[in-house]
Amino acid sequence: MLPLTKRARTLLTVFLVLGDEIIIVLIVLFILWNLGIDLPLWALIPLVVGLGAFSVMLYKLVGPVLNKKQITGREGMIGLEGKVVTPLAPEGVIKVRGELWKASSTEASISTDEEVIVVRLEGLKLLVRRKNGAEEGEGTRHKDEEIILGTGKN
């Protein structure tokens, strides 16, 4: 299967969500037809227009949520700021979002109470660099900022 673009994935999600409403409308129309109740065209047109308006509204509301950057899990850790608890020479402990993490410095050593930025994960260990060294390019990813799954191998 080919990978979908963000817009295609959003549209597919909206249409799948709308699928159950369409099926319910068709079942109700079928039941009414079997009972001998015939709905005139002037009654069906507002129903279809309303369903269309609902789908556009759903697309506008759901689209931005589906395309947001992930903020939890491994991917959510990259770019977070932390503070050194025990010196990183090159390994030590840092505090990120109130939690203590084992960390390793991408630089020679980082002393206690310095601010750092998470650039990569290796298993459950964070690779960090000094914050002051990243301020000019903050918000951009460097080529070494990738998530390494597994046992911490490069």
C-alpha atoms as a PDB file:
ATOM      1  CA  MET A   1       0.000   0.000   0.000  1.00  0.00           C
ATOM      2  CA  LEU A   2       1.279   3.452  -0.915  1.00  0.00           C
ATOM      3  CA  PRO A   3       1.822   5.943   1.907  1.00  0.00           C
ATOM      4  CA  LEU A   4      -0.889   8.606   2.101  1.00  0.00           C
ATOM      5  CA  THR A   5      -0.253  12.322   2.285  1.00  0.00           C
ATOM      6  CA  LYS A   6      -1.503  14.153   5.366  1.00  0.00           C
ATOM      7  CA  ARG A   7      -4.426  15.642   3.436  1.00  0.00           C
ATOM      8  CA  ALA A   8      -5.421  12.281   1.932  1.00  0.00           C
ATOM      9  CA  ARG A   9      -5.213  10.619   5.351  1.00  0.00           C
ATOM     10  CA  THR A  10      -7.385  13.369   6.857  1.00  0.00           C
ATOM     11  CA  LEU A  11      -9.993  13.090   4.082  1.00  0.00           C
ATOM     12  CA  LEU A  12     -10.062   9.305   4.407  1.00  0.00           C
ATOM     13  CA  THR A  13     -10.594   9.584   8.163  1.00  0.00           C
ATOM     14  CA  VAL A  14     -13.441  12.067   7.722  1.00  0.00           C
ATOM     15  CA  PHE A  15     -15.183   9.915   5.107  1.00  0.00           C
ATOM     16  CA  LEU A  16     -14.837   6.815   7.268  1.00  0.00           C
ATOM     17  CA  VAL A  17     -16.378   8.681  10.190  1.00  0.00           C
ATOM     18  CA  LEU A  18     -19.199   9.875   7.942  1.00  0.00           C
ATOM     19  CA  GLY A  19     -19.758   6.363   6.613  1.00  0.00           C
ATOM     20  CA  ASP A  20     -21.881   5.321   9.567  1.00  0.00           C
ATOM     21  CA  GLU A  21     -24.129   8.407   9.233  1.00  0.00           C
ATOM     22  CA  ILE A  22     -24.646   7.671   5.540  1.00  0.00           C
ATOM     23  CA  ILE A  23     -25.511   4.050   6.299  1.00  0.00           C
ATOM     24  CA  ILE A  24     -28.022   5.103   8.979  1.00  0.00           C
ATOM     25  CA  VAL A  25     -29.697   7.544   6.557  1.00  0.00           C
ATOM     26  CA  LEU A  26     -29.928   4.826   3.878  1.00  0.00           C
ATOM     27  CA  ILE A  27     -31.424   2.339   6.369  1.00  0.00           C
ATOM     28  CA  VAL A  28     -34.007   4.876   7.530  1.00  0.00           C
ATOM     29  CA  LEU A  29     -34.918   5.695   3.918  1.00  0.00           C
ATOM     30  CA  PHE A  30     -35.212   1.975   3.095  1.00  0.00           C
ATOM     31  CA  ILE A  31     -37.436   1.339   6.131  1.00  0.00           C
ATOM     32  CA  LEU A  32     -39.622   4.326   5.263  1.00  0.00           C
ATOM     33  CA  TRP A  33     -39.908   3.107   1.652  1.00  0.00           C
ATOM     34  CA  ASN A  34     -40.908  -0.402   2.862  1.00  0.00           C
ATOM     35  CA  LEU A  35     -43.571   1.126   5.126  1.00  0.00           C
ATOM     36  CA  GLY A  36     -44.981   2.955   2.146  1.00  0.00           C
ATOM     37  CA  ILE A  37     -43.842   6.386   3.290  1.00  0.00           C
ATOM     38  CA  ASP A  38     -42.467   8.247   0.314  1.00  0.00           C
ATOM     39  CA  LEU A  39     -40.263  11.244   1.081  1.00  0.00           C
ATOM     40  CA  PRO A  40     -40.513  14.014  -1.489  1.00  0.00           C
ATOM     41  CA  LEU A  41     -37.423  15.426  -3.159  1.00  0.00           C
ATOM     42  CA  TRP A  42     -37.777  18.743  -1.295  1.00  0.00           C
ATOM     43  CA  ALA A  43     -37.314  16.831   1.983  1.00  0.00           C
ATOM     44  CA  LEU A  44     -34.288  14.855   0.782  1.00  0.00           C
ATOM     45  CA  ILE A  45     -32.350  17.868  -0.526  1.00  0.00           C
ATOM     46  CA  PRO A  46     -31.945  19.553   2.915  1.00  0.00           C
ATOM     47  CA  LEU A  47     -30.904  16.171   4.338  1.00  0.00           C
ATOM     48  CA  VAL A  48     -28.127  15.790   1.742  1.00  0.00           C
ATOM     49  CA  VAL A  49     -27.050  19.443   2.090  1.00  0.00           C
ATOM     50  CA  GLY A  50     -26.960  19.084   5.884  1.00  0.00           C
ATOM     51  CA  LEU A  51     -24.865  15.927   5.641  1.00  0.00           C
ATOM     52  CA  GLY A  52     -22.503  17.720   3.233  1.00  0.00           C
ATOM     53  CA  ALA A  53     -22.198  20.714   5.569  1.00  0.00           C
ATOM     54  CA  PHE A  54     -21.524  18.350   8.458  1.00  0.00           C
ATOM     55  CA  SER A  55     -18.739  16.647   6.500  1.00  0.00           C
ATOM     56  CA  VAL A  56     -17.090  19.985   5.640  1.00  0.00           C
ATOM     57  CA  MET A  57     -17.317  21.087   9.286  1.00  0.00           C
ATOM     58  CA  LEU A  58     -15.884  17.753  10.411  1.00  0.00           C
ATOM     59  CA  TYR A  59     -13.007  18.081   7.935  1.00  0.00           C
ATOM     60  CA  LYS A  60     -12.211  21.601   9.186  1.00  0.00           C
ATOM     61  CA  LEU A  61     -12.288  20.513  12.837  1.00  0.00           C
ATOM     62  CA  VAL A  62     -10.587  17.113  12.582  1.00  0.00           C
ATOM     63  CA  GLY A  63      -7.943  17.948   9.976  1.00  0.00           C
ATOM     64  CA  PRO A  64      -5.684  20.106  12.155  1.00  0.00           C
ATOM     65  CA  VAL A  65      -5.891  17.634  15.036  1.00  0.00           C
ATOM     66  CA  LEU A  66      -4.827  14.692  12.862  1.00  0.00           C
ATOM     67  CA  ASN A  67      -1.882  16.620  11.428  1.00  0.00           C
ATOM     68  CA  LYS A  68      -0.457  17.824  14.762  1.00  0.00           C
ATOM     69  CA  LYS A  69       3.063  16.869  15.727  1.00  0.00           C
ATOM     70  CA  GLN A  70       3.146  13.973  18.149  1.00  0.00           C
ATOM     71  CA  ILE A  71       3.848  15.191  21.677  1.00  0.00           C
ATOM     72  CA  THR A  72       3.929  11.901  23.545  1.00  0.00           C
ATOM     73  CA  GLY A  73       6.170   8.877  23.426  1.00  0.00           C
ATOM     74  CA  ARG A  74       9.666   8.737  21.994  1.00  0.00           C
ATOM     75  CA  GLU A  75       9.050  11.318  19.275  1.00  0.00           C
ATOM     76  CA  GLY A  76       7.726  13.790  21.840  1.00  0.00           C
ATOM     77  CA  MET A  77      10.993  13.737  23.806  1.00  0.00           C
ATOM     78  CA  ILE A  78      13.154  15.178  21.022  1.00  0.00           C
ATOM     79  CA  GLY A  79      13.598  18.910  21.432  1.00  0.00           C
ATOM     80  CA  LEU A  80      12.552  19.022  25.098  1.00  0.00           C
ATOM     81  CA  GLU A  81      14.642  21.062  27.500  1.00  0.00           C
ATOM     82  CA  GLY A  82      16.050  19.675  30.717  1.00  0.00           C
ATOM     83  CA  LYS A  83      18.447  20.478  33.536  1.00  0.00           C
ATOM     84  CA  VAL A  84      21.558  18.503  34.472  1.00  0.00           C
ATOM     85  CA  VAL A  85      21.259  16.858  37.922  1.00  0.00           C
ATOM     86  CA  THR A  86      24.553  14.971  37.965  1.00  0.00           C
ATOM     87  CA  PRO A  87      27.400  16.075  35.679  1.00  0.00           C
ATOM     88  CA  LEU A  88      27.408  14.562  32.203  1.00  0.00           C
ATOM     89  CA  ALA A  89      30.987  13.409  31.719  1.00  0.00           C
ATOM     90  CA  PRO A  90      29.813  12.052  29.293  1.00  0.00           C
ATOM     91  CA  GLU A  91      27.024  10.172  31.175  1.00  0.00           C
ATOM     92  CA  GLY A  92      24.913  11.356  34.073  1.00  0.00           C
ATOM     93  CA  VAL A  93      21.342  12.221  35.049  1.00  0.00           C
ATOM     94  CA  ILE A  94      19.095  15.034  33.817  1.00  0.00           C
ATOM     95  CA  LYS A  95      15.618  16.214  34.758  1.00  0.00           C
ATOM     96  CA  VAL A  96      13.072  16.611  31.945  1.00  0.00           C
ATOM     97  CA  ARG A  97       9.437  17.531  32.707  1.00  0.00           C
ATOM     98  CA  GLY A  98      10.018  16.698  36.361  1.00  0.00           C
ATOM     99  CA  GLU A  99      11.357  13.196  35.617  1.00  0.00           C
ATOM    100  CA  LEU A 100      14.915  11.954  36.071  1.00  0.00           C
ATOM    101  CA  TRP A 101      16.530  10.359  33.003  1.00  0.00           C
ATOM    102  CA  LYS A 102      19.887   8.775  32.303  1.00  0.00           C
ATOM    103  CA  ALA A 103      21.601  10.927  29.756  1.00  0.00           C
ATOM    104  CA  SER A 104      24.734  11.154  27.705  1.00  0.00           C
ATOM    105  CA  SER A 105      26.287  14.323  26.360  1.00  0.00           C
ATOM    106  CA  THR A 106      27.091  14.830  22.685  1.00  0.00           C
ATOM    107  CA  GLU A 107      29.801  17.212  23.902  1.00  0.00           C
ATOM    108  CA  ALA A 108      32.790  16.600  26.186  1.00  0.00           C
ATOM    109  CA  SER A 109      31.087  17.257  29.529  1.00  0.00           C
ATOM    110  CA  ILE A 110      28.226  19.329  30.909  1.00  0.00           C
ATOM    111  CA  SER A 111      28.187  20.456  34.531  1.00  0.00           C
ATOM    112  CA  THR A 112      25.341  20.411  37.072  1.00  0.00           C
ATOM    113  CA  ASP A 113      22.432  22.887  36.683  1.00  0.00           C
ATOM    114  CA  GLU A 114      23.194  23.621  33.026  1.00  0.00           C
ATOM    115  CA  GLU A 115      20.244  23.531  30.651  1.00  0.00           C
ATOM    116  CA  VAL A 116      20.282  20.925  27.887  1.00  0.00           C
ATOM    117  CA  ILE A 117      18.157  19.916  24.896  1.00  0.00           C
ATOM    118  CA  VAL A 118      17.289  16.317  24.003  1.00  0.00           C
ATOM    119  CA  VAL A 119      18.546  15.498  20.505  1.00  0.00           C
ATOM    120  CA  ARG A 120      18.161  11.724  20.354  1.00  0.00           C
ATOM    121  CA  LEU A 121      17.094   8.633  22.257  1.00  0.00           C
ATOM    122  CA  GLU A 122      19.061   5.423  22.571  1.00  0.00           C
ATOM    123  CA  GLY A 123      16.863   2.904  24.316  1.00  0.00           C
ATOM    124  CA  LEU A 124      15.923   4.619  27.587  1.00  0.00           C
ATOM    125  CA  LYS A 125      18.942   6.935  27.584  1.00  0.00           C
ATOM    126  CA  LEU A 126      18.704  10.487  26.264  1.00  0.00           C
ATOM    127  CA  LEU A 127      21.443  12.096  24.176  1.00  0.00           C
ATOM    128  CA  VAL A 128      21.625  15.816  24.934  1.00  0.00           C
ATOM    129  CA  ARG A 129      23.561  18.955  24.080  1.00  0.00           C
ATOM    130  CA  ARG A 130      23.929  22.312  25.820  1.00  0.00           C
ATOM    131  CA  LYS A 131      20.979  24.618  25.316  1.00  0.00           C
ATOM    132  CA  ASN A 132      23.110  27.691  24.592  1.00  0.00           C
ATOM    133  CA  GLY A 133      24.707  25.847  21.668  1.00  0.00           C
ATOM    134  CA  ALA A 134      21.298  25.237  20.078  1.00  0.00           C
ATOM    135  CA  GLU A 135      19.608  28.628  20.428  1.00  0.00           C
ATOM    136  CA  GLU A 136      20.464  29.891  16.974  1.00  0.00           C
ATOM    137  CA  GLY A 137      18.949  26.827  15.307  1.00  0.00           C
ATOM    138  CA  GLU A 138      16.210  26.125  17.820  1.00  0.00           C
ATOM    139  CA  GLY A 139      13.213  24.387  16.331  1.00  0.00           C
ATOM    140  CA  THR A 140      15.213  22.748  13.555  1.00  0.00           C
ATOM    141  CA  ARG A 141      16.429  19.204  13.493  1.00  0.00           C
ATOM    142  CA  HIS A 142      20.013  18.311  12.813  1.00  0.00           C
ATOM    143  CA  LYS A 143      20.922  15.250  10.815  1.00  0.00           C
ATOM    144  CA  ASP A 144      21.981  13.389  13.984  1.00  0.00           C
ATOM    145  CA  GLU A 145      18.615  14.024  15.683  1.00  0.00           C
ATOM    146  CA  GLU A 146      16.924  10.751  14.865  1.00  0.00           C
ATOM    147  CA  ILE A 147      15.213   8.203  16.984  1.00  0.00           C
ATOM    148  CA  ILE A 148      17.181   5.042  17.392  1.00  0.00           C
ATOM    149  CA  LEU A 149      14.973   2.125  18.284  1.00  0.00           C
ATOM    150  CA  GLY A 150      16.282  -0.926  19.981  1.00  0.00           C
ATOM    151  CA  THR A 151      19.272  -1.419  22.211  1.00  0.00           C
ATOM    152  CA  GLY A 152      21.045   1.883  21.800  1.00  0.00           C
ATOM    153  CA  LYS A 153      23.147   1.031  18.762  1.00  0.00           C
ATOM    154  CA  ASN A 154      23.998   3.799  16.287  1.00  0.00           C
END
